[in-house]
Amino acid sequence: MVDLLLLAATAACVCGMTWLALAMEPHWKQVRGGVPPARTVRALRVLGASSLFASLLFCLAADHASMASLVWVMLLAGAALAVAFTLSWRPRLLAPLIAWA
């Protein structure tokens, strides 16, 4: 059960970081080309923040607060690094996360 919660926290964290990155014009251009509509930027920011908050809740459900906060901060760093490497290596791999846009 704990493993599934941590897996969900990791997935939510990576999705959240990706959506926050794609809310920025340079990263959007790397993945989709053009300029993102303002409405899409707002939606991506809300999705990103909500996903990171959900990641925190998954961590809190998996462990006690002091360990959960440590795991969450490490997930934030790891997810940011993974998204940054993906954007620099193969940015089109992130396109499925914004297929609705």
Protein backbone atom coordinates (compact mmCIF):
# COMPACT_ATOMS: atom_id res chain seq x y z
CA MET A 1 0.00 0.00 0.00
CA VAL A 2 2.79 2.39 0.96
CA ASP A 3 4.62 1.60 -2.27
CA LEU A 4 1.56 2.50 -4.34
CA LEU A 5 1.13 5.77 -2.45
CA LEU A 6 4.76 6.69 -3.06
CA LEU A 7 4.45 5.73 -6.72
CA ALA A 8 1.37 7.94 -7.02
CA ALA A 9 3.25 10.75 -5.27
CA THR A 10 6.13 10.41 -7.72
CA ALA A 11 3.83 10.41 -10.74
CA ALA A 12 1.91 13.42 -9.44
CA CYS A 13 5.14 15.28 -8.75
CA VAL A 14 6.55 14.63 -12.24
CA CYS A 15 3.25 15.64 -13.87
CA GLY A 16 3.08 18.77 -11.73
CA MET A 17 6.61 19.84 -12.57
CA THR A 18 5.97 19.16 -16.26
CA TRP A 19 2.80 21.24 -16.30
CA LEU A 20 4.50 24.10 -14.49
CA ALA A 21 7.40 23.99 -16.95
CA LEU A 22 5.09 23.90 -19.94
CA ALA A 23 3.27 26.96 -18.63
CA MET A 24 6.42 28.88 -19.59
CA GLU A 25 6.67 30.06 -23.17
CA PRO A 26 10.20 28.76 -23.96
CA HIS A 27 9.35 25.24 -22.81
CA TRP A 28 5.99 25.30 -24.59
CA LYS A 29 7.82 26.21 -27.80
CA GLN A 30 10.19 23.27 -27.33
CA VAL A 31 7.32 20.82 -27.01
CA ARG A 32 4.50 22.24 -29.15
CA GLY A 33 5.84 25.26 -31.02
CA GLY A 34 4.14 28.64 -31.10
CA VAL A 35 2.87 30.59 -28.12
CA PRO A 36 0.53 29.04 -25.54
CA PRO A 37 -2.85 30.72 -25.12
CA ALA A 38 -3.29 32.62 -21.85
CA ARG A 39 -6.13 30.33 -20.83
CA THR A 40 -3.92 27.29 -21.31
CA VAL A 41 -1.12 28.86 -19.27
CA ARG A 42 -3.52 29.43 -16.37
CA ALA A 43 -4.85 25.87 -16.64
CA LEU A 44 -1.31 24.45 -16.67
CA ARG A 45 -0.36 26.45 -13.58
CA VAL A 46 -3.45 25.29 -11.70
CA LEU A 47 -2.87 21.69 -12.78
CA GLY A 48 0.78 21.89 -11.78
CA ALA A 49 0.12 23.35 -8.35
CA SER A 50 -2.75 20.93 -7.70
CA SER A 51 -0.64 17.98 -8.75
CA LEU A 52 2.22 18.99 -6.45
CA PHE A 53 -0.25 19.38 -3.59
CA ALA A 54 -1.70 15.94 -4.36
CA SER A 55 1.85 14.59 -4.28
CA LEU A 56 2.27 16.03 -0.79
CA LEU A 57 -0.99 14.42 0.32
CA PHE A 58 0.12 11.04 -1.05
CA CYS A 59 3.39 11.36 0.87
CA LEU A 60 1.54 12.26 4.05
CA ALA A 61 -0.74 9.25 3.61
CA ALA A 62 2.27 6.97 3.15
CA ASP A 63 4.33 8.02 6.16
CA HIS A 64 4.43 10.23 9.26
CA ALA A 65 4.73 13.99 8.71
CA SER A 66 8.46 14.45 9.30
CA MET A 67 9.44 11.64 6.92
CA ALA A 68 6.72 12.55 4.40
CA SER A 69 7.93 16.13 4.15
CA LEU A 70 11.49 14.94 3.54
CA VAL A 71 10.36 12.47 0.87
CA TRP A 72 8.22 15.15 -0.77
CA VAL A 73 11.07 17.66 -0.97
CA MET A 74 13.31 14.99 -2.47
CA LEU A 75 10.56 14.12 -4.97
CA LEU A 76 10.29 17.78 -5.94
CA ALA A 77 14.02 17.94 -6.62
CA GLY A 78 14.06 14.66 -8.53
CA ALA A 79 11.02 15.55 -10.61
CA ALA A 80 12.44 18.97 -11.47
CA LEU A 81 15.70 17.35 -12.54
CA ALA A 82 13.90 14.70 -14.62
CA VAL A 83 11.77 17.33 -16.38
CA ALA A 84 14.81 19.54 -17.01
CA PHE A 85 16.76 16.65 -18.52
CA THR A 86 13.80 15.64 -20.64
CA LEU A 87 13.36 19.19 -21.91
CA SER A 88 17.02 19.38 -22.87
CA TRP A 89 17.20 15.92 -24.42
CA ARG A 90 13.82 15.03 -25.99
CA PRO A 91 11.19 17.66 -25.21
CA ARG A 92 8.56 15.99 -27.43
CA LEU A 93 8.32 13.16 -24.89
CA LEU A 94 6.35 15.55 -22.67
CA ALA A 95 3.71 16.25 -25.34
CA PRO A 96 1.24 13.55 -24.12
CA LEU A 97 0.78 15.51 -20.88
CA ILE A 98 -0.67 18.40 -22.87
CA ALA A 99 -2.53 16.44 -25.53
CA TRP A 100 -5.74 18.22 -24.49
CA ALA A 101 -4.29 21.66 -25.28
